[in-house]
Amino acid sequence: MTEFGDFISALGEFGLYQKLLVLLISISLLLNPFQMIGQVFMVLDEPHHCNTSWILAIGPNLTEEEQLNLTLPRDADGAYEQCSMYSPVDWDLDSIVAYGLNATEKCSSGWVYPSAQAPSLLTEFDLVCDRKDLIDISQSIYMLGLLLGSIIFGPLSDRIGRRPVFLICMLIRVLFGVGIAFVPHFYVYMAFRCVVGTAEAGIMIIALVLATEWVGVSHRSKAVLISHCCFAIGQTILAGLSYGIHNWRLLQIAGSAPVFALFFYIWVFPESARWLVIKGRIEEAKKVLQKAASINKRTIPPQLLEQLKPETQPKPGSTLDLFRKKHLRKVTLVMTCTWFADSLVYYGLSLNVSGFGLDVYLTQLAFGGVELPARFSCIFLLQWFGRKKIQAILLLLSGLMCLIIIGIPKDQPMVTTILATTGKFTATASFSTSYVYSAELFPTVIRPVWGCARCRRGWQGS
């Protein structure tokens, strides 16, 4: 009986057609880092203090320094408190100057940002003091969107096809990504980010599925890792974008709108021939396979094409299938822990890029710079040493770097950044290895289900 892999071998396992497909997938992943990590550059710390303009009604001729001296308490270092103020009183100015104010309260009239040059997400929505937790909540909601996207678009791609789901996700990403730049409230911002996260998950799932369904077995890891290299380039682009554009709304547009340039995908992005065969759409599958063979300058023998028959549609997988068989249960538990550790280190370092003591833009440039060789080196490392050894070594090194960073004094930012960059290298390589490893370990029918579980572990880890 002829298997679908025989048709891939006949048209070329990794010919020009597959390389162009990987290029299309890679381009679509170029701006993914912006949506995942871009918020970090919109909420950089800004010096701030409570708005105490109430005293100007009593003393309209006060200088700024006099106003702050009378209305703001100081911390142990002699600097003005950022999250508290003296309680407003009904006294006249002479009494306030003579007796001073003692009772304090939290900022009740907002904050002032003396050095802010362009509106950032932090300054526009006052994400400081008691509202600072909203920054982390927003990032968690984005990760929740990734989880929801894997649950929704993984099974949907099995039902209506890879191509339409991919195009739908691209449209959602660009519309809501640009829409974020016009939101009036932070809660709307978080909701839009969640929707963008669902689209990003769909894009990443379809990218992985198409790379494994169109490419021959011996070249699949190469195809997946090449597309990941474009993600690494996007990390470097993020550093340049965020350095050049400080207005968060303009930065959001710059990081989202370029996806409109990919409208031509409507005409060139292919459907999975394997999915067409499973769905019994044999004539469409033959046309797609012949087109691929033609671009690869190969010919599929007519007698082989005649043997293309509808495959028995497998029973849809469920989460329980991951635990029914002993071997699959063991693989699931091991890879769950692996993905959790990957996410914990990778996102822990990526989202804390501003906390290592050096210039945040240079640090991001370094992080993006090491991602490219990390992902590219996996192409060869996995071929030479296999998956298991490389995965174990990379995870061990990633954790080791994080443990060492804990013991580095705060007055050694250069050492901390070097260790963090090394950790980012190993965590990135480990992440890419996990993608390849998971795609090879899990049966095809279980793969979308595992994608949901993987995103769940990734969400918890981040």
Protein backbone atom coordinates (compact mmCIF):
# COMPACT_ATOMS: atom_id res chain seq x y z
CA MET A 1 0.00 0.00 0.00
CA THR A 2 1.33 3.42 -1.00
CA GLU A 3 1.86 5.83 1.87
CA PHE A 4 1.77 9.62 1.66
CA GLY A 5 5.49 9.75 2.39
CA ASP A 6 6.10 8.07 -0.98
CA PHE A 7 4.59 11.10 -2.73
CA ILE A 8 6.80 13.48 -0.76
CA SER A 9 9.82 11.39 -1.78
CA ALA A 10 8.70 11.47 -5.42
CA LEU A 11 8.30 15.26 -5.58
CA GLY A 12 11.40 15.93 -3.47
CA GLU A 13 11.69 15.89 0.31
CA PHE A 14 13.09 19.41 0.57
CA GLY A 15 13.07 20.95 -2.86
CA LEU A 16 12.46 24.50 -4.00
CA TYR A 17 8.73 24.25 -3.25
CA GLN A 18 9.33 23.30 0.39
CA LYS A 19 12.01 25.94 0.74
CA LEU A 20 9.62 28.61 -0.51
CA LEU A 21 6.99 27.33 1.92
CA VAL A 22 9.47 27.56 4.80
CA LEU A 23 10.29 31.10 3.65
CA LEU A 24 6.61 32.08 3.75
CA ILE A 25 6.28 30.56 7.21
CA SER A 26 9.45 32.29 8.39
CA ILE A 27 8.31 35.72 7.20
CA SER A 28 5.05 35.31 9.09
CA LEU A 29 7.02 34.60 12.29
CA LEU A 30 9.25 37.66 11.89
CA LEU A 31 7.05 39.96 13.99
CA ASN A 32 5.98 37.36 16.57
CA PRO A 33 8.63 38.56 19.08
CA PHE A 34 7.11 42.04 19.03
CA GLN A 35 3.71 40.78 20.19
CA MET A 36 5.27 38.49 22.81
CA ILE A 37 7.92 40.77 24.29
CA GLY A 38 7.24 44.27 22.90
CA GLN A 39 5.23 45.32 25.96
CA VAL A 40 8.46 45.25 28.00
CA PHE A 41 9.66 48.37 26.15
CA MET A 42 6.36 50.17 26.62
CA VAL A 43 6.45 49.93 30.43
CA LEU A 44 10.05 50.87 31.22
CA ASP A 45 10.44 52.50 34.64
CA GLU A 46 9.90 56.26 34.71
CA PRO A 47 10.61 58.50 37.71
CA HIS A 48 7.26 59.59 39.13
CA HIS A 49 5.57 61.13 42.12
CA CYS A 50 2.05 61.89 43.27
CA ASN A 51 0.15 64.72 41.65
CA THR A 52 -0.07 67.35 44.42
CA SER A 53 -1.45 70.23 42.41
CA TRP A 54 -4.05 70.76 45.16
CA ILE A 55 -1.60 73.06 46.96
CA LEU A 56 -1.43 75.41 43.96
CA ALA A 57 -4.95 76.57 44.76
CA ILE A 58 -3.54 77.83 48.07
CA GLY A 59 -0.16 79.00 46.83
CA PRO A 60 -0.30 79.60 43.08
CA ASN A 61 3.17 81.19 43.02
CA LEU A 62 5.02 78.19 44.49
CA THR A 63 7.92 76.85 42.48
CA GLU A 64 7.90 73.17 41.58
CA GLU A 65 10.59 72.39 44.17
CA GLU A 66 8.68 74.25 46.90
CA GLN A 67 5.49 72.42 45.99
CA LEU A 68 7.18 69.03 46.22
CA ASN A 69 8.94 69.87 49.49
CA LEU A 70 5.66 70.80 51.13
CA THR A 71 3.50 67.95 49.81
CA LEU A 72 5.71 64.86 49.43
CA PRO A 73 7.44 62.83 52.15
CA ARG A 74 10.97 61.56 51.57
CA ASP A 75 12.31 58.01 51.78
CA ALA A 76 15.37 56.82 53.73
CA ASP A 77 17.69 57.97 50.94
CA GLY A 78 16.25 61.48 50.92
CA ALA A 79 14.39 61.07 47.60
CA TYR A 80 10.71 61.91 47.22
CA GLU A 81 8.33 59.02 47.84
CA GLN A 82 6.85 57.79 44.57
CA CYS A 83 3.63 56.24 45.87
CA SER A 84 2.56 58.42 48.81
CA MET A 85 1.84 62.06 49.56
CA TYR A 86 0.86 64.25 52.47
CA SER A 87 -2.89 64.38 52.92
CA PRO A 88 -4.42 67.61 51.56
CA VAL A 89 -5.59 70.09 54.23
CA ASP A 90 -7.69 73.26 54.32
CA TRP A 91 -4.96 75.36 55.93
CA ASP A 92 -3.53 78.53 54.49
CA LEU A 93 -0.04 78.45 52.98
CA ASP A 94 1.65 80.15 55.92
CA SER A 95 0.36 77.50 58.34
CA ILE A 96 1.52 74.68 56.04
CA VAL A 97 5.00 76.21 55.80
CA ALA A 98 5.16 76.89 59.56
CA TYR A 99 3.89 73.57 60.89
CA GLY A 100 4.37 71.20 57.97
CA LEU A 101 2.20 68.21 57.11
CA ASN A 102 2.42 64.80 58.79
CA ALA A 103 -0.48 62.57 57.72
CA THR A 104 0.22 60.62 54.53
CA GLU A 105 -1.97 58.75 52.08
CA LYS A 106 -1.68 57.00 48.73
CA CYS A 107 -1.72 59.06 45.56
CA SER A 108 -5.31 60.15 45.08
CA SER A 109 -5.04 62.44 42.05
CA GLY A 110 -2.77 60.44 39.78
CA TRP A 111 0.93 60.78 39.13
CA VAL A 112 3.38 63.16 37.50
CA TYR A 113 6.26 61.94 35.30
CA PRO A 114 8.81 64.75 35.14
CA SER A 115 11.23 63.13 32.67
CA ALA A 116 8.75 61.43 30.34
CA GLN A 117 9.46 62.50 26.74
CA ALA A 118 6.88 60.48 24.83
CA PRO A 119 3.73 58.77 26.13
CA SER A 120 4.48 55.20 27.14
CA LEU A 121 2.02 52.52 28.16
CA LEU A 122 3.17 53.03 31.75
CA THR A 123 2.69 56.80 31.85
CA GLU A 124 -0.55 56.94 29.88
CA PHE A 125 -2.36 54.36 32.01
CA ASP A 126 -0.49 55.04 35.28
CA LEU A 127 0.91 51.52 35.66
CA VAL A 128 2.84 52.39 38.83
CA CYS A 129 2.52 51.76 42.55
CA ASP A 130 -0.69 49.84 43.27
CA ARG A 131 -1.41 49.50 39.53
CA LYS A 132 2.02 48.07 38.69
CA ASP A 133 0.71 44.51 38.98
CA LEU A 134 -1.43 45.15 35.90
CA ILE A 135 1.74 44.89 33.79
CA ASP A 136 2.30 41.27 34.83
CA ILE A 137 -1.41 40.52 34.60
CA SER A 138 -1.45 41.84 31.04
CA GLN A 139 1.44 39.56 30.06
CA SER A 140 -0.30 36.59 31.69
CA ILE A 141 -3.49 37.37 29.78
CA TYR A 142 -1.49 37.36 26.55
CA MET A 143 -0.15 33.92 27.49
CA LEU A 144 -3.72 32.86 28.25
CA GLY A 145 -4.53 33.92 24.69
CA LEU A 146 -1.82 31.54 23.44
CA LEU A 147 -3.49 28.72 25.38
CA LEU A 148 -6.95 29.56 24.03
CA GLY A 149 -5.57 29.85 20.50
CA SER A 150 -4.05 26.38 20.65
CA ILE A 151 -7.32 24.95 21.94
CA ILE A 152 -9.34 26.70 19.23
CA PHE A 153 -7.17 26.74 16.12
CA GLY A 154 -5.45 23.36 16.47
CA PRO A 155 -8.66 21.33 16.15
CA LEU A 156 -10.14 23.90 13.74
CA SER A 157 -7.24 23.38 11.33
CA ASP A 158 -8.08 19.66 11.32
CA ARG A 159 -11.68 20.48 10.49
CA ILE A 160 -11.49 23.22 7.83
CA GLY A 161 -7.85 23.04 6.73
CA ARG A 162 -4.45 24.52 7.52
CA ARG A 163 -4.54 27.29 4.94
CA PRO A 164 -7.83 29.02 5.93
CA VAL A 165 -6.97 28.86 9.63
CA PHE A 166 -3.52 30.32 8.99
CA LEU A 167 -4.96 33.19 6.93
CA ILE A 168 -7.67 33.86 9.53
CA CYS A 169 -5.04 34.03 12.27
CA MET A 170 -2.91 36.41 10.21
CA LEU A 171 -5.93 38.68 9.69
CA ILE A 172 -6.83 38.62 13.40
CA ARG A 173 -3.23 39.39 14.36
CA VAL A 174 -2.91 42.44 12.14
CA LEU A 175 -6.38 43.88 12.85
CA PHE A 176 -6.23 43.54 16.62
CA GLY A 177 -2.49 44.28 16.71
CA VAL A 178 -3.04 47.63 15.03
CA GLY A 179 -6.27 48.11 17.01
CA ILE A 180 -4.28 47.99 20.26
CA ALA A 181 -2.68 51.31 19.28
CA PHE A 182 -6.09 53.03 19.51
CA VAL A 183 -7.51 51.58 22.74
CA PRO A 184 -8.84 54.14 25.25
CA HIS A 185 -8.51 51.99 28.39
CA PHE A 186 -5.97 49.51 29.71
CA TYR A 187 -8.56 46.79 30.19
CA VAL A 188 -9.43 47.03 26.50
CA TYR A 189 -5.72 46.82 25.80
CA MET A 190 -5.50 43.55 27.74
CA ALA A 191 -8.52 42.11 25.94
CA PHE A 192 -7.04 42.93 22.53
CA ARG A 193 -3.71 41.43 23.61
CA CYS A 194 -5.50 38.22 24.52
CA VAL A 195 -7.06 38.04 21.05
CA VAL A 196 -3.67 38.67 19.43
CA GLY A 197 -2.27 35.85 21.56
CA THR A 198 -4.87 33.41 20.23
CA ALA A 199 -3.90 34.34 16.66
CA GLU A 200 -0.19 33.95 17.40
CA ALA A 201 -0.82 30.46 18.76
CA GLY A 202 -2.71 29.51 15.62
CA ILE A 203 0.09 30.78 13.38
CA MET A 204 2.76 28.88 15.31
CA ILE A 205 0.76 25.64 15.33
CA ILE A 206 0.02 25.76 11.59
CA ALA A 207 3.64 26.67 10.84
CA LEU A 208 4.84 23.57 12.70
CA VAL A 209 2.20 21.32 11.14
CA LEU A 210 2.89 22.45 7.56
CA ALA A 211 6.64 22.09 8.06
CA THR A 212 6.13 18.48 9.13
CA GLU A 213 3.46 17.59 6.54
CA TRP A 214 5.13 19.01 3.43
CA VAL A 215 8.77 18.15 4.21
CA GLY A 216 10.38 14.71 4.15
CA VAL A 217 11.19 13.05 7.47
CA SER A 218 14.95 13.53 7.16
CA HIS A 219 14.57 17.30 6.61
CA ARG A 220 11.77 18.16 9.06
CA SER A 221 14.01 19.32 11.89
CA LYS A 222 15.88 21.56 9.45
CA ALA A 223 12.65 23.12 8.17
CA VAL A 224 11.34 23.83 11.68
CA LEU A 225 14.63 25.29 12.89
CA ILE A 226 15.09 27.51 9.82
CA SER A 227 11.69 29.08 10.46
CA HIS A 228 12.74 29.62 14.09
CA CYS A 229 15.80 31.53 12.86
CA CYS A 230 13.47 34.18 11.46
CA PHE A 231 11.89 34.47 14.90
CA ALA A 232 15.40 35.19 16.21
CA ILE A 233 15.88 37.93 13.61
CA GLY A 234 12.62 39.43 14.84
CA GLN A 235 14.13 39.73 18.32
CA THR A 236 16.90 41.92 16.91
CA ILE A 237 14.42 44.02 14.93
CA LEU A 238 12.47 44.54 18.16
CA ALA A 239 15.53 46.15 19.77
CA GLY A 240 15.85 48.62 16.88
CA LEU A 241 12.14 49.44 16.73
CA SER A 242 11.82 50.07 20.45
CA TYR A 243 14.99 52.20 20.50
CA GLY A 244 13.82 54.38 17.62
CA ILE A 245 10.15 54.76 18.57
CA HIS A 246 9.30 55.75 22.15
CA ASN A 247 5.64 56.62 21.66
CA TRP A 248 3.97 53.32 22.57
CA ARG A 249 1.06 53.75 20.15
CA LEU A 250 3.36 54.40 17.19
CA LEU A 251 5.56 51.50 18.29
CA GLN A 252 2.52 49.20 18.37
CA ILE A 253 1.57 50.23 14.83
CA ALA A 254 5.15 49.77 13.60
CA GLY A 255 5.25 46.28 15.07
CA SER A 256 1.86 45.17 13.74
CA ALA A 257 1.01 46.99 10.50
CA PRO A 258 3.73 45.36 8.31
CA VAL A 259 1.65 42.18 8.35
CA PHE A 260 -0.70 43.96 5.90
CA ALA A 261 2.12 43.59 3.34
CA LEU A 262 1.57 39.82 3.45
CA PHE A 263 -1.88 40.03 1.86
CA PHE A 264 -0.47 38.14 -1.14
CA TYR A 265 -0.50 35.00 1.01
CA ILE A 266 -4.15 34.68 -0.03
CA TRP A 267 -2.93 33.58 -3.47
CA VAL A 268 0.35 31.79 -2.75
CA PHE A 269 0.00 30.06 0.63
CA PRO A 270 -0.68 26.35 0.00
CA GLU A 271 -2.96 23.86 1.66
CA SER A 272 -1.55 20.68 3.15
CA ALA A 273 -1.78 17.90 0.58
CA ARG A 274 -1.91 15.36 3.38
CA TRP A 275 -4.93 17.09 4.93
CA LEU A 276 -6.66 17.10 1.52
CA VAL A 277 -6.08 13.34 1.18
CA ILE A 278 -7.42 12.66 4.69
CA LYS A 279 -10.54 14.67 3.83
CA GLY A 280 -11.03 12.71 0.60
CA ARG A 281 -10.38 15.70 -1.69
CA ILE A 282 -8.16 13.62 -3.94
CA GLU A 283 -8.30 15.74 -7.11
CA GLU A 284 -7.28 18.86 -5.20
CA ALA A 285 -4.48 16.91 -3.54
CA LYS A 286 -3.22 15.71 -6.95
CA LYS A 287 -3.13 19.28 -8.29
CA VAL A 288 -1.21 20.54 -5.26
CA LEU A 289 1.27 17.65 -5.42
CA GLN A 290 1.83 18.11 -9.15
CA LYS A 291 2.37 21.83 -8.67
CA ALA A 292 4.95 21.12 -5.97
CA ALA A 293 6.68 18.55 -8.17
CA SER A 294 6.75 20.99 -11.07
CA ILE A 295 8.39 23.72 -8.98
CA ASN A 296 10.90 21.15 -7.73
CA LYS A 297 11.54 20.11 -11.34
CA ARG A 298 10.41 16.59 -10.56
CA THR A 299 7.69 14.39 -12.00
CA ILE A 300 5.37 12.19 -10.01
CA PRO A 301 4.77 8.95 -11.99
CA PRO A 302 1.14 8.75 -13.20
CA GLN A 303 0.81 5.23 -11.81
CA LEU A 304 1.81 6.56 -8.38
CA LEU A 305 -0.77 9.32 -8.58
CA GLU A 306 -3.43 6.76 -9.41
CA GLN A 307 -2.69 5.04 -6.12
CA LEU A 308 -3.58 8.19 -4.20
CA LYS A 309 -6.67 7.12 -2.29
CA PRO A 310 -8.57 8.68 0.61
CA GLU A 311 -7.04 7.70 3.91
CA THR A 312 -9.21 6.45 6.70
CA GLN A 313 -9.93 9.47 8.83
CA PRO A 314 -8.37 8.87 12.24
CA LYS A 315 -10.49 9.26 15.31
CA PRO A 316 -9.96 12.78 16.72
CA GLY A 317 -7.48 12.75 19.58
CA SER A 318 -8.28 13.94 23.06
CA THR A 319 -6.23 14.90 26.09
CA LEU A 320 -7.00 11.52 27.65
CA ASP A 321 -5.23 9.79 24.74
CA LEU A 322 -1.97 11.24 26.05
CA PHE A 323 -2.29 9.13 29.20
CA ARG A 324 -3.96 5.89 28.06
CA LYS A 325 -0.84 4.05 26.92
CA LYS A 326 2.13 3.62 29.22
CA HIS A 327 4.75 4.74 26.70
CA LEU A 328 2.77 7.79 25.57
CA ARG A 329 2.00 8.68 29.18
CA LYS A 330 5.72 8.63 30.01
CA VAL A 331 6.57 10.77 26.97
CA THR A 332 3.81 13.24 27.85
CA LEU A 333 4.97 13.69 31.44
CA VAL A 334 8.62 14.10 30.45
CA MET A 335 7.88 16.60 27.67
CA THR A 336 5.45 18.50 29.90
CA CYS A 337 8.24 19.07 32.43
CA THR A 338 10.61 19.97 29.60
CA TRP A 339 8.25 22.58 28.13
CA PHE A 340 7.57 24.02 31.58
CA ALA A 341 11.30 24.42 32.22
CA ASP A 342 11.87 25.88 28.74
CA SER A 343 9.15 28.46 29.22
CA LEU A 344 10.23 29.33 32.74
CA VAL A 345 13.79 30.17 31.70
CA TYR A 346 13.13 31.60 28.22
CA TYR A 347 10.31 33.94 29.18
CA GLY A 348 11.83 34.63 32.59
CA LEU A 349 14.91 36.06 30.89
CA SER A 350 13.13 37.64 27.89
CA LEU A 351 10.53 39.50 29.94
CA ASN A 352 13.12 40.67 32.46
CA VAL A 353 15.40 42.24 29.87
CA SER A 354 15.21 45.60 31.67
CA GLY A 355 16.29 44.15 35.01
CA PHE A 356 19.92 43.20 34.42
CA GLY A 357 21.43 46.65 35.00
CA LEU A 358 22.72 47.53 31.52
CA ASP A 359 21.02 49.50 28.75
CA VAL A 360 17.78 47.69 27.97
CA TYR A 361 18.09 48.15 24.19
CA LEU A 362 21.64 46.80 24.05
CA THR A 363 20.61 43.87 26.22
CA GLN A 364 17.71 43.08 23.88
CA LEU A 365 20.07 43.37 20.90
CA ALA A 366 22.38 40.86 22.60
CA PHE A 367 19.44 38.57 23.36
CA GLY A 368 18.34 38.71 19.73
CA GLY A 369 21.92 38.28 18.54
CA VAL A 370 22.44 35.02 20.44
CA GLU A 371 19.06 33.57 19.42
CA LEU A 372 20.08 33.27 15.77
CA PRO A 373 23.20 31.12 16.34
CA ALA A 374 21.36 29.20 19.08
CA ARG A 375 18.58 28.14 16.71
CA PHE A 376 20.88 27.69 13.71
CA SER A 377 23.33 25.51 15.65
CA CYS A 378 20.51 23.14 16.59
CA ILE A 379 20.28 22.09 12.92
CA PHE A 380 23.70 20.48 13.21
CA LEU A 381 23.74 19.56 16.90
CA LEU A 382 20.57 17.48 16.58
CA GLN A 383 22.01 15.65 13.58
CA TRP A 384 25.35 14.93 15.24
CA PHE A 385 24.34 14.10 18.82
CA GLY A 386 20.63 13.30 18.70
CA ARG A 387 17.69 14.88 20.51
CA LYS A 388 17.85 13.40 24.01
CA LYS A 389 21.44 14.35 24.93
CA ILE A 390 21.18 17.85 23.49
CA GLN A 391 17.86 18.50 25.24
CA ALA A 392 19.22 17.38 28.61
CA ILE A 393 22.47 19.36 28.34
CA LEU A 394 20.73 22.55 27.23
CA LEU A 395 18.16 22.37 30.04
CA LEU A 396 20.93 21.78 32.57
CA LEU A 397 22.97 24.75 31.33
CA SER A 398 19.90 27.02 31.25
CA GLY A 399 19.03 26.26 34.86
CA LEU A 400 22.66 26.59 35.92
CA MET A 401 22.94 30.09 34.44
CA CYS A 402 19.81 31.21 36.29
CA LEU A 403 21.09 29.81 39.59
CA ILE A 404 24.44 31.56 39.19
CA ILE A 405 22.73 34.90 38.40
CA ILE A 406 20.98 34.77 41.79
CA GLY A 407 24.35 34.95 43.55
CA ILE A 408 25.79 37.84 41.54
CA PRO A 409 25.82 41.21 43.41
CA LYS A 410 23.67 43.99 41.97
CA ASP A 411 26.73 46.16 41.42
CA GLN A 412 27.99 43.71 38.75
CA PRO A 413 25.51 44.33 35.89
CA MET A 414 27.99 43.31 33.20
CA VAL A 415 28.53 39.86 34.75
CA THR A 416 24.79 39.43 35.25
CA THR A 417 24.04 40.38 31.64
CA ILE A 418 26.70 38.01 30.25
CA LEU A 419 25.27 35.14 32.29
CA ALA A 420 21.72 36.06 31.26
CA THR A 421 22.75 36.18 27.60
CA THR A 422 24.39 32.76 27.92
CA GLY A 423 21.24 31.47 29.59
CA LYS A 424 19.15 32.95 26.77
CA PHE A 425 21.34 31.11 24.23
CA THR A 426 20.88 27.73 25.91
CA ALA A 427 17.17 28.31 26.66
CA THR A 428 16.52 29.28 23.03
CA ALA A 429 18.32 26.21 21.72
CA SER A 430 16.43 24.06 24.22
CA PHE A 431 13.11 25.56 23.08
CA SER A 432 13.84 24.77 19.43
CA THR A 433 14.95 21.26 20.33
CA SER A 434 11.67 20.73 22.21
CA TYR A 435 9.67 21.70 19.10
CA VAL A 436 11.48 19.14 16.96
CA TYR A 437 11.48 16.49 19.69
CA SER A 438 7.74 16.83 20.35
CA ALA A 439 6.84 16.72 16.65
CA GLU A 440 8.74 13.45 16.29
CA LEU A 441 7.64 11.75 19.52
CA PHE A 442 3.87 12.24 19.27
CA PRO A 443 1.65 10.51 16.68
CA THR A 444 0.07 12.76 14.05
CA VAL A 445 -3.46 12.44 15.43
CA ILE A 446 -2.26 13.43 18.93
CA ARG A 447 -0.08 16.32 17.81
CA PRO A 448 -2.77 19.07 17.91
CA VAL A 449 -3.85 17.84 21.36
CA TRP A 450 -0.25 17.95 22.54
CA GLY A 451 -0.03 21.48 21.12
CA CYS A 452 -2.80 22.51 23.51
CA ALA A 453 -1.10 20.81 26.46
CA ARG A 454 2.23 22.34 25.47
CA CYS A 455 0.79 25.85 25.43
CA ARG A 456 -0.80 25.18 28.82
CA ARG A 457 2.58 24.25 30.31
CA GLY A 458 4.19 27.19 28.56
CA TRP A 459 1.56 29.55 29.96
CA GLN A 460 2.14 28.28 33.50
CA GLY A 461 5.91 28.47 33.07
CA SER A 462 5.84 32.04 31.81
